[in-house]
Amino acid sequence: MVDPASWVFFPGAFVKLTPMFLQRLGVALTGLALLAGPASAQITPELIRARTEREWTIKAEKMRQHLLPLMRQHEIDLWIILSRENAPDPLVELFGGYGVTGWYGHRNAYLFFDAGSRDTLETTALGTHLSGHLDRFYDTIMLYGEEGLKPHLREYVAARDPRRIAINQSRTISMADGLTAELKAYLLDAVGAPFRDRLISSEPLVVDYASVHTPAEDAVEREASAATFAILRRAFSNEVITPGRTTLMDVQYWITAEWKRQGFEFNFPASLDLQRVGEITLDDSADPVVERGDLLHVDFGVRTSGIVADQQKMAYVLRAGETAPPTGLVRAFEHSTRAAAIILEEMQVGRAGAAIKQSAETRAAEDGIDTLVYSHVQGYWVHDAGMWAIHDWPERYGNHPRFVLKDGDWVSLEFEVSAVVPEWDDQPVTIMREEDMLITSDASPEYLSGPQTELWVIR
């Protein structure tokens, strides 16, 4: 976990106590300790500053520790990330983003070069509007003028003569496909021969880099997961829902207000739906009023310091005179718990996503449980680079189902179970589940928060 000599947990954030960090933060240690925690946080400049500084410190340290070995593993001499105002490359977010006070430049190049004999990673940013905080990522930061980026990029590449140059062009990994058509043409023209013939996809490097997590990142992922669980537990309670009055969009807006109130970043909007007797399914686009007897479902996760969570929860609204959900609904949820255990048993490091899905669904069916698995890795993005336990549909999912589960992956245990409910005239219902997991090769799968162990009840 976190090295106690260099990291301290202030409510709402793990912070590394380096001199540079404290200088940038601009506040005394006693002032930092006053930051509000997730359960009671109110958004303040100090809270946002702490989480932002934490993000860049953690990402820079990961880059310095892990990027060069992975580039060598994939025999990449130079990785070029090109980005442009209003068309930012998604992967720039892993290497400093657009800056705390700046924005994406007109054309920027972010360069990572294996300096070979020096056994160091040479990092360079060429562009405009390069915020000062990027100096923790880049050894050299150069602003260009009227001459533009092209001559500087050409000179940089020619001077280093890289044999294999990775660029962000990928059919499967959307985050590794940030090179636009115009920027690709610009790059080919800039580097010229023979370098234009040495370009390869960064996809394998991105998959491996996204799957490596430092102890500091693990701590942030746990924080995001716990905060998500707490928000959803409150959302599906009488604190938020009054049967016969509250609508699904009322709940959605409460969740939105709450994650903003606690100072979290945008991840994805909460989506909600309900099932009720009469084979009626309504989602938040219809904005139905929540009635007694409804089975509720929500999908949501917070993002903090650049790391995300992704969860789905279920709740039942008691009818008048009921003290517990109908037995059929309870049994359906129990089936989902058993299905979760089966899926996790199949989630073994080194197995491909499609194989995990097929084995888990087959075993669940043998237990009489109708299960559909669609789990995936998560982390910097909700559907991250790497293993997805999903249908092997190349046109839709590319190579995701063939990627293998890696040691230390954060995984969204996402699936659904269908069952008939006798008390609902044998109407089928769907229990949709999603929990944040840590998968390692030397320990059992670990829930990062929760998990939900029974249907939540709204009275």
Protein backbone atom coordinates (compact mmCIF):
# COMPACT_ATOMS: atom_id res chain seq x y z
CA MET A 1 0.00 0.00 0.00
CA VAL A 2 1.06 3.61 0.50
CA ASP A 3 4.56 4.28 1.85
CA PRO A 4 3.90 6.06 5.15
CA ALA A 5 7.16 7.93 4.86
CA SER A 6 6.05 9.78 1.75
CA TRP A 7 2.24 9.71 1.65
CA VAL A 8 -0.37 11.00 4.07
CA PHE A 9 -4.11 10.56 3.83
CA PHE A 10 -5.90 13.85 4.20
CA PRO A 11 -9.68 13.40 4.10
CA GLY A 12 -10.58 13.08 0.47
CA ALA A 13 -7.06 12.57 -0.90
CA PHE A 14 -3.77 10.70 -0.55
CA VAL A 15 -1.08 13.37 -0.81
CA LYS A 16 2.67 12.85 -1.31
CA LEU A 17 4.60 15.19 0.93
CA THR A 18 7.41 16.21 -1.40
CA PRO A 19 8.93 19.69 -1.11
CA MET A 20 7.83 20.48 -4.65
CA PHE A 21 4.27 19.44 -3.85
CA LEU A 22 4.10 21.56 -0.71
CA GLN A 23 5.59 24.50 -2.54
CA ARG A 24 3.07 24.23 -5.35
CA LEU A 25 0.21 23.69 -2.98
CA GLY A 26 1.08 26.92 -1.27
CA VAL A 27 -0.45 26.07 2.07
CA ALA A 28 0.89 24.76 5.34
CA LEU A 29 0.46 21.12 6.31
CA THR A 30 -1.99 22.08 9.01
CA GLY A 31 -4.10 23.79 6.41
CA LEU A 32 -4.19 20.70 4.22
CA ALA A 33 -5.50 18.62 7.11
CA LEU A 34 -8.64 20.71 7.11
CA LEU A 35 -9.80 19.43 3.71
CA ALA A 36 -13.23 17.85 3.92
CA GLY A 37 -13.61 14.08 3.52
CA PRO A 38 -15.83 12.22 1.02
CA ALA A 39 -18.68 11.63 3.45
CA SER A 40 -19.06 15.30 4.33
CA ALA A 41 -17.01 17.07 1.68
CA GLN A 42 -17.97 20.48 0.46
CA ILE A 43 -16.24 21.60 -2.70
CA THR A 44 -13.56 24.17 -1.91
CA PRO A 45 -10.54 25.55 -3.79
CA GLU A 46 -8.29 23.70 -1.34
CA LEU A 47 -10.00 20.37 -2.03
CA ILE A 48 -9.79 20.77 -5.80
CA ARG A 49 -6.16 21.86 -5.56
CA ALA A 50 -5.20 18.86 -3.43
CA ARG A 51 -6.88 16.35 -5.74
CA THR A 52 -5.46 17.98 -8.88
CA GLU A 53 -1.91 18.11 -7.52
CA ARG A 54 -2.25 14.53 -6.35
CA GLU A 55 -3.29 13.43 -9.84
CA TRP A 56 -0.32 14.99 -11.60
CA THR A 57 2.16 13.84 -8.96
CA ILE A 58 0.95 10.24 -9.12
CA LYS A 59 0.83 10.15 -12.93
CA ALA A 60 4.28 11.70 -13.30
CA GLU A 61 5.83 9.23 -10.87
CA LYS A 62 4.18 6.32 -12.67
CA MET A 63 5.52 7.59 -16.00
CA ARG A 64 9.06 7.88 -14.64
CA GLN A 65 8.93 4.39 -13.14
CA HIS A 66 7.07 2.31 -15.71
CA LEU A 67 6.99 3.84 -19.19
CA LEU A 68 10.59 3.17 -20.27
CA PRO A 69 10.59 -0.54 -19.30
CA LEU A 70 7.34 -1.04 -21.20
CA MET A 71 8.64 0.82 -24.26
CA ARG A 72 11.64 -1.50 -24.26
CA GLN A 73 9.44 -4.53 -23.83
CA HIS A 74 7.57 -3.51 -26.99
CA GLU A 75 10.79 -2.40 -28.77
CA ILE A 76 9.61 1.19 -29.13
CA ASP A 77 12.31 3.83 -29.42
CA LEU A 78 10.05 6.88 -29.68
CA TRP A 79 6.41 7.49 -28.84
CA ILE A 80 4.87 10.54 -30.48
CA ILE A 81 1.56 11.90 -29.19
CA LEU A 82 0.18 14.74 -31.30
CA SER A 83 -2.69 16.83 -30.03
CA ARG A 84 -4.60 19.86 -31.21
CA GLU A 85 -6.97 22.45 -29.83
CA ASN A 86 -10.56 21.11 -29.86
CA ALA A 87 -9.25 17.65 -30.87
CA PRO A 88 -7.14 16.59 -27.86
CA ASP A 89 -5.58 13.15 -27.84
CA PRO A 90 -7.15 11.21 -24.92
CA LEU A 91 -3.77 9.85 -23.80
CA VAL A 92 -2.42 13.31 -23.07
CA GLU A 93 -4.45 13.03 -19.84
CA LEU A 94 -1.97 10.40 -18.63
CA PHE A 95 0.99 12.72 -19.19
CA GLY A 96 -0.01 16.08 -17.80
CA GLY A 97 -3.18 16.93 -19.69
CA TYR A 98 -3.62 20.46 -20.92
CA GLY A 99 -2.31 22.05 -17.75
CA VAL A 100 -3.83 23.50 -14.65
CA THR A 101 -4.19 26.99 -16.09
CA GLY A 102 -3.64 26.45 -19.83
CA TRP A 103 -5.40 24.66 -22.64
CA TYR A 104 -4.50 22.39 -25.55
CA GLY A 105 -2.24 24.15 -28.00
CA HIS A 106 -2.64 24.78 -31.70
CA ARG A 107 -0.53 21.71 -32.49
CA ASN A 108 1.45 20.09 -29.69
CA ALA A 109 3.84 17.15 -29.72
CA TYR A 110 4.51 15.08 -26.60
CA LEU A 111 7.61 12.97 -27.14
CA PHE A 112 8.94 10.00 -25.17
CA PHE A 113 12.33 8.73 -26.30
CA ASP A 114 14.45 5.83 -25.11
CA ALA A 115 17.86 7.45 -24.70
CA GLY A 116 19.50 4.03 -24.78
CA SER A 117 22.87 3.99 -23.09
CA ARG A 118 21.82 6.64 -20.59
CA ASP A 119 19.11 4.26 -19.42
CA THR A 120 16.73 7.16 -19.01
CA LEU A 121 13.44 8.24 -20.52
CA GLU A 122 13.83 11.51 -22.40
CA THR A 123 10.58 13.48 -22.33
CA THR A 124 9.89 16.55 -24.43
CA ALA A 125 6.87 18.77 -25.07
CA LEU A 126 6.82 20.98 -28.19
CA GLY A 127 3.88 23.30 -28.65
CA THR A 128 1.93 26.33 -27.51
CA HIS A 129 0.03 27.10 -24.31
CA LEU A 130 2.09 24.62 -22.29
CA SER A 131 1.21 25.09 -18.62
CA GLY A 132 4.08 25.26 -16.15
CA HIS A 133 2.91 22.23 -14.19
CA LEU A 134 4.03 20.05 -17.11
CA ASP A 135 7.64 20.36 -15.96
CA ARG A 136 7.12 17.37 -13.69
CA PHE A 137 6.45 15.27 -16.83
CA TYR A 138 8.77 16.79 -19.41
CA ASP A 139 12.50 17.38 -19.15
CA THR A 140 12.32 19.83 -22.05
CA ILE A 141 9.43 22.17 -22.79
CA MET A 142 9.71 24.32 -25.90
CA LEU A 143 7.25 26.87 -27.22
CA TYR A 144 7.27 27.57 -30.95
CA GLY A 145 6.25 30.72 -32.78
CA GLU A 146 5.34 31.69 -36.31
CA GLU A 147 7.44 28.86 -37.76
CA GLY A 148 5.07 26.28 -36.29
CA LEU A 149 5.69 22.79 -34.94
CA LYS A 150 6.89 21.07 -38.12
CA PRO A 151 10.57 22.12 -38.26
CA HIS A 152 11.10 21.36 -34.59
CA LEU A 153 9.49 17.93 -34.85
CA ARG A 154 11.51 17.11 -37.97
CA GLU A 155 14.77 18.14 -36.31
CA TYR A 156 13.95 16.19 -33.12
CA VAL A 157 13.24 12.93 -34.94
CA ALA A 158 16.17 13.19 -37.34
CA ALA A 159 18.62 13.84 -34.52
CA ARG A 160 17.57 10.67 -32.68
CA ASP A 161 17.05 8.32 -35.66
CA PRO A 162 14.47 6.05 -33.93
CA ARG A 163 13.96 2.62 -35.48
CA ARG A 164 10.37 2.10 -34.27
CA ILE A 165 8.03 5.03 -33.65
CA ALA A 166 4.71 4.47 -31.89
CA ILE A 167 1.73 6.63 -32.83
CA ASN A 168 -1.81 6.63 -31.48
CA GLN A 169 -3.70 4.81 -34.19
CA SER A 170 -5.72 1.78 -33.11
CA ARG A 171 -8.78 -0.09 -34.30
CA THR A 172 -9.64 -1.56 -30.89
CA ILE A 173 -8.53 0.91 -28.23
CA SER A 174 -10.36 4.20 -28.71
CA MET A 175 -8.02 6.00 -26.30
CA ALA A 176 -5.06 4.89 -28.45
CA ASP A 177 -6.68 6.26 -31.61
CA GLY A 178 -6.32 9.96 -30.94
CA LEU A 179 -4.30 10.80 -34.05
CA THR A 180 -6.69 12.63 -36.37
CA ALA A 181 -6.49 12.33 -40.15
CA GLU A 182 -5.07 15.86 -40.46
CA LEU A 183 -2.48 15.32 -37.75
CA LYS A 184 -1.45 11.99 -39.32
CA ALA A 185 -0.83 13.73 -42.64
CA TYR A 186 0.99 16.52 -40.81
CA LEU A 187 3.19 13.99 -39.00
CA LEU A 188 4.11 12.11 -42.19
CA ASP A 189 5.09 15.34 -43.86
CA ALA A 190 7.02 16.56 -40.82
CA VAL A 191 9.18 13.47 -40.23
CA GLY A 192 9.64 12.56 -43.90
CA ALA A 193 11.62 9.59 -45.17
CA PRO A 194 12.75 7.20 -43.84
CA PHE A 195 10.90 7.79 -40.60
CA ARG A 196 7.38 7.68 -42.04
CA ASP A 197 8.01 3.98 -42.75
CA ARG A 198 8.92 3.26 -39.13
CA LEU A 199 5.53 4.08 -37.59
CA ILE A 200 3.68 1.43 -35.57
CA SER A 201 0.55 1.44 -33.43
CA SER A 202 0.93 2.28 -29.74
CA GLU A 203 -1.96 -0.07 -28.90
CA PRO A 204 0.04 -2.87 -27.20
CA LEU A 205 2.01 -0.32 -25.18
CA VAL A 206 -1.16 1.49 -24.11
CA VAL A 207 -2.82 -1.76 -22.97
CA ASP A 208 0.14 -2.67 -20.80
CA TYR A 209 0.67 0.84 -19.45
CA ALA A 210 -2.99 1.19 -18.47
CA SER A 211 -2.86 -2.12 -16.59
CA VAL A 212 0.10 -1.13 -14.40
CA HIS A 213 -1.06 0.51 -11.18
CA THR A 214 1.10 2.00 -8.50
CA PRO A 215 0.19 1.76 -4.79
CA ALA A 216 -0.79 5.43 -4.88
CA GLU A 217 -3.16 4.78 -7.79
CA ASP A 218 -4.67 1.80 -5.98
CA ALA A 219 -5.44 4.10 -3.05
CA VAL A 220 -7.24 6.57 -5.31
CA GLU A 221 -9.24 3.79 -6.98
CA ARG A 222 -10.41 2.58 -3.57
CA GLU A 223 -11.41 6.12 -2.67
CA ALA A 224 -13.43 6.51 -5.88
CA SER A 225 -15.12 3.16 -5.31
CA ALA A 226 -16.04 3.88 -1.70
CA ALA A 227 -17.41 7.30 -2.61
CA THR A 228 -19.52 5.81 -5.42
CA PHE A 229 -20.95 3.14 -3.13
CA ALA A 230 -21.82 5.73 -0.47
CA ILE A 231 -23.54 8.07 -2.95
CA LEU A 232 -25.62 5.27 -4.47
CA ARG A 233 -26.59 3.89 -1.07
CA ARG A 234 -28.01 7.29 -0.14
CA ALA A 235 -29.62 7.76 -3.58
CA PHE A 236 -31.56 4.52 -3.16
CA SER A 237 -32.99 5.38 0.24
CA ASN A 238 -35.78 7.44 1.74
CA GLU A 239 -33.34 10.31 2.09
CA VAL A 240 -33.82 10.87 -1.64
CA ILE A 241 -36.87 8.86 -2.70
CA THR A 242 -40.45 9.41 -1.56
CA PRO A 243 -42.65 6.79 -3.26
CA GLY A 244 -45.43 8.33 -5.31
CA ARG A 245 -43.62 11.67 -5.60
CA THR A 246 -39.97 11.26 -6.61
CA THR A 247 -39.16 10.63 -10.29
CA LEU A 248 -36.17 8.80 -11.72
CA MET A 249 -34.73 12.08 -12.98
CA ASP A 250 -35.12 13.55 -9.49
CA VAL A 251 -32.76 10.79 -8.35
CA GLN A 252 -30.45 11.37 -11.31
CA TYR A 253 -30.16 15.07 -10.54
CA TRP A 254 -29.59 14.35 -6.85
CA ILE A 255 -26.68 12.06 -7.77
CA THR A 256 -25.30 14.73 -10.11
CA ALA A 257 -25.56 17.42 -7.44
CA GLU A 258 -23.97 15.16 -4.83
CA TRP A 259 -20.87 14.21 -6.81
CA LYS A 260 -20.39 17.85 -7.70
CA ARG A 261 -20.93 18.91 -4.08
CA GLN A 262 -18.19 16.51 -3.01
CA GLY A 263 -15.80 17.92 -5.59
CA PHE A 264 -15.54 14.88 -7.86
CA GLU A 265 -14.91 15.08 -11.60
CA PHE A 266 -17.24 14.11 -14.43
CA ASN A 267 -17.09 10.43 -15.28
CA PHE A 268 -20.44 9.57 -16.86
CA PRO A 269 -24.00 10.62 -16.01
CA ALA A 270 -26.00 8.31 -13.78
CA SER A 271 -28.56 6.23 -15.66
CA LEU A 272 -31.64 4.79 -13.96
CA ASP A 273 -34.51 2.50 -14.82
CA LEU A 274 -37.24 0.56 -13.08
CA GLN A 275 -39.19 -2.65 -13.52
CA ARG A 276 -42.73 -3.16 -12.23
CA VAL A 277 -45.55 -5.68 -12.38
CA GLY A 278 -47.07 -5.94 -15.85
CA GLU A 279 -43.74 -6.45 -17.60
CA ILE A 280 -43.21 -2.72 -17.53
CA THR A 281 -39.69 -1.35 -17.85
CA LEU A 282 -39.17 2.40 -17.81
CA ASP A 283 -35.90 4.31 -17.97
CA ASP A 284 -35.02 7.84 -16.98
CA SER A 285 -35.91 9.22 -20.43
CA ALA A 286 -39.56 8.62 -19.52
CA ASP A 287 -38.95 10.14 -16.07
CA PRO A 288 -41.56 7.97 -14.34
CA VAL A 289 -42.62 8.55 -10.75
CA VAL A 290 -41.22 5.88 -8.45
CA GLU A 291 -44.15 3.84 -7.14
CA ARG A 292 -44.44 1.25 -4.43
CA GLY A 293 -43.59 -2.20 -5.74
CA ASP A 294 -40.98 -0.90 -8.20
CA LEU A 295 -37.60 -2.57 -8.69
CA LEU A 296 -35.00 0.17 -9.23
CA HIS A 297 -31.64 0.07 -10.97
CA VAL A 298 -28.82 2.65 -11.24
CA ASP A 299 -25.47 2.75 -13.07
CA PHE A 300 -22.93 5.36 -11.95
CA GLY A 301 -19.35 6.02 -10.83
CA VAL A 302 -17.31 8.99 -9.66
CA ARG A 303 -13.98 10.16 -11.04
CA THR A 304 -11.33 11.58 -8.75
CA SER A 305 -7.74 12.56 -9.53
CA GLY A 306 -8.16 11.04 -12.99
CA ILE A 307 -9.29 7.57 -11.81
CA VAL A 308 -12.83 6.21 -12.09
CA ALA A 309 -15.26 3.81 -10.47
CA ASP A 310 -18.23 2.07 -12.12
CA GLN A 311 -21.06 0.41 -10.20
CA GLN A 312 -24.67 -0.75 -10.58
CA LYS A 313 -27.10 -1.17 -7.69
CA MET A 314 -30.64 -2.48 -7.24
CA ALA A 315 -33.38 -1.52 -4.76
CA TYR A 316 -36.98 -2.44 -4.10
CA VAL A 317 -39.73 -0.06 -2.99
CA LEU A 318 -41.91 -1.75 -0.38
CA ARG A 319 -45.64 -1.89 -0.93
CA ALA A 320 -48.02 -0.93 1.84
CA GLY A 321 -47.95 -3.69 4.45
CA GLU A 322 -44.69 -5.24 3.19
CA THR A 323 -41.71 -5.51 5.50
CA ALA A 324 -39.40 -7.15 2.95
CA PRO A 325 -39.21 -7.66 -0.82
CA PRO A 326 -41.15 -10.55 -2.35
CA THR A 327 -39.40 -13.90 -1.97
CA GLY A 328 -38.99 -14.22 -5.74
CA LEU A 329 -37.04 -10.96 -5.93
CA VAL A 330 -34.89 -11.97 -2.96
CA ARG A 331 -34.14 -15.27 -4.66
CA ALA A 332 -33.27 -13.53 -7.92
CA PHE A 333 -30.76 -11.33 -6.10
CA GLU A 334 -29.30 -14.38 -4.36
CA HIS A 335 -28.82 -15.91 -7.82
CA SER A 336 -26.88 -12.82 -8.81
CA THR A 337 -24.62 -13.24 -5.78
CA ARG A 338 -23.92 -16.83 -6.77
CA ALA A 339 -23.27 -15.75 -10.37
CA ALA A 340 -20.78 -13.13 -9.13
CA ALA A 341 -18.85 -15.81 -7.27
CA ILE A 342 -18.72 -18.00 -10.38
CA ILE A 343 -17.52 -15.16 -12.61
CA LEU A 344 -14.78 -14.24 -10.15
CA GLU A 345 -13.61 -17.85 -10.00
CA GLU A 346 -13.20 -17.71 -13.79
CA MET A 347 -11.33 -14.39 -13.67
CA GLN A 348 -7.84 -15.79 -13.63
CA VAL A 349 -4.83 -13.73 -14.65
CA GLY A 350 -3.74 -14.68 -18.16
CA ARG A 351 -7.18 -15.72 -19.43
CA ALA A 352 -8.83 -13.96 -22.35
CA GLY A 353 -12.04 -12.04 -21.78
CA ALA A 354 -14.13 -14.15 -24.16
CA ALA A 355 -13.02 -17.34 -22.39
CA ILE A 356 -13.92 -15.90 -18.98
CA LYS A 357 -17.37 -14.93 -20.23
CA GLN A 358 -18.10 -18.28 -21.87
CA SER A 359 -16.94 -20.38 -18.91
CA ALA A 360 -18.80 -18.29 -16.36
CA GLU A 361 -22.07 -18.31 -18.28
CA THR A 362 -21.82 -22.07 -18.86
CA ARG A 363 -21.18 -22.79 -15.18
CA ALA A 364 -23.99 -20.49 -14.07
CA ALA A 365 -26.40 -22.23 -16.44
CA GLU A 366 -25.44 -25.58 -14.91
CA ASP A 367 -26.56 -24.09 -11.59
CA GLY A 368 -29.86 -23.05 -13.15
CA ILE A 369 -28.93 -19.34 -13.30
CA ASP A 370 -29.59 -17.39 -16.49
CA THR A 371 -26.55 -15.09 -16.61
CA LEU A 372 -25.15 -12.63 -19.14
CA VAL A 373 -21.58 -11.44 -18.49
CA TYR A 374 -20.14 -8.18 -19.84
CA SER A 375 -17.36 -7.30 -17.41
CA HIS A 376 -14.40 -5.09 -18.34
CA VAL A 377 -11.26 -3.44 -17.02
CA GLN A 378 -11.63 0.09 -15.68
CA GLY A 379 -9.31 2.77 -14.36
CA TYR A 380 -8.46 5.91 -16.30
CA TRP A 381 -11.63 5.38 -18.31
CA VAL A 382 -14.81 3.45 -17.48
CA HIS A 383 -14.18 1.00 -20.34
CA ASP A 384 -10.41 0.99 -20.17
CA ALA A 385 -7.77 -0.47 -22.46
CA GLY A 386 -7.41 -4.23 -22.03
CA MET A 387 -9.59 -7.21 -21.20
CA TRP A 388 -13.34 -7.13 -21.75
CA ALA A 389 -15.28 -10.30 -20.88
CA ILE A 390 -17.74 -9.72 -23.68
CA HIS A 391 -19.04 -11.26 -26.91
CA ASP A 392 -16.27 -11.93 -29.41
CA TRP A 393 -17.71 -9.59 -32.01
CA PRO A 394 -14.70 -8.12 -33.88
CA GLU A 395 -16.68 -5.45 -35.71
CA ARG A 396 -18.08 -4.12 -32.43
CA TYR A 397 -15.43 -4.85 -29.82
CA GLY A 398 -12.25 -5.34 -31.86
CA ASN A 399 -9.65 -7.34 -29.93
CA HIS A 400 -10.96 -6.51 -26.45
CA PRO A 401 -12.43 -10.02 -25.91
CA ARG A 402 -9.05 -11.55 -26.84
CA PHE A 403 -6.98 -9.42 -24.49
CA VAL A 404 -6.00 -11.29 -21.35
CA LEU A 405 -6.64 -10.32 -17.75
CA LYS A 406 -3.47 -8.87 -16.23
CA ASP A 407 -2.08 -9.02 -12.72
CA GLY A 408 -3.33 -5.99 -10.81
CA ASP A 409 -6.16 -5.08 -13.19
CA TRP A 410 -9.08 -3.10 -11.83
CA VAL A 411 -12.18 -4.83 -13.16
CA SER A 412 -15.84 -3.88 -13.34
CA LEU A 413 -17.60 -7.10 -12.37
CA GLU A 414 -20.56 -6.35 -14.63
CA PHE A 415 -23.30 -8.86 -15.43
CA GLU A 416 -27.01 -9.53 -15.21
CA VAL A 417 -29.22 -12.38 -14.03
CA SER A 418 -32.74 -13.05 -15.28
CA ALA A 419 -35.34 -14.92 -13.22
CA VAL A 420 -39.09 -15.27 -12.94
CA VAL A 421 -40.85 -13.90 -9.88
CA PRO A 422 -43.87 -15.98 -8.74
CA GLU A 423 -45.33 -13.04 -6.81
CA TRP A 424 -45.31 -11.04 -10.06
CA ASP A 425 -47.34 -13.70 -11.92
CA ASP A 426 -44.10 -15.41 -13.04
CA GLN A 427 -42.97 -12.23 -14.74
CA PRO A 428 -39.26 -12.28 -15.60
CA VAL A 429 -37.07 -9.63 -14.01
CA THR A 430 -33.45 -8.69 -14.56
CA ILE A 431 -30.99 -8.12 -11.73
CA MET A 432 -28.14 -5.95 -13.04
CA ARG A 433 -24.95 -5.90 -10.98
CA GLU A 434 -21.61 -4.13 -11.20
CA GLU A 435 -18.88 -3.95 -8.57
CA ASP A 436 -15.34 -2.57 -8.55
CA MET A 437 -12.72 -5.33 -8.21
CA LEU A 438 -8.97 -5.77 -7.89
CA ILE A 439 -7.67 -8.93 -9.57
CA THR A 440 -4.21 -10.26 -8.74
CA SER A 441 -2.39 -13.51 -9.36
CA ASP A 442 -1.45 -14.14 -5.73
CA ALA A 443 -4.73 -13.43 -3.91
CA SER A 444 -8.47 -13.85 -4.20
CA PRO A 445 -10.37 -11.17 -6.12
CA GLU A 446 -10.99 -8.19 -3.86
CA TYR A 447 -14.05 -5.95 -3.74
CA LEU A 448 -12.86 -2.35 -3.54
CA SER A 449 -16.07 -1.28 -1.80
CA GLY A 450 -19.25 -2.95 -0.67
CA PRO A 451 -20.32 -5.17 -2.28
CA GLN A 452 -24.09 -4.98 -2.32
CA THR A 453 -25.14 -8.16 -0.56
CA GLU A 454 -28.93 -7.82 -0.72
CA LEU A 455 -31.64 -5.80 -2.36
CA TRP A 456 -31.72 -2.37 -0.78
CA VAL A 457 -35.13 -1.46 0.57
CA ILE A 458 -36.97 1.85 0.23
CA ARG A 459 -39.90 2.21 2.59
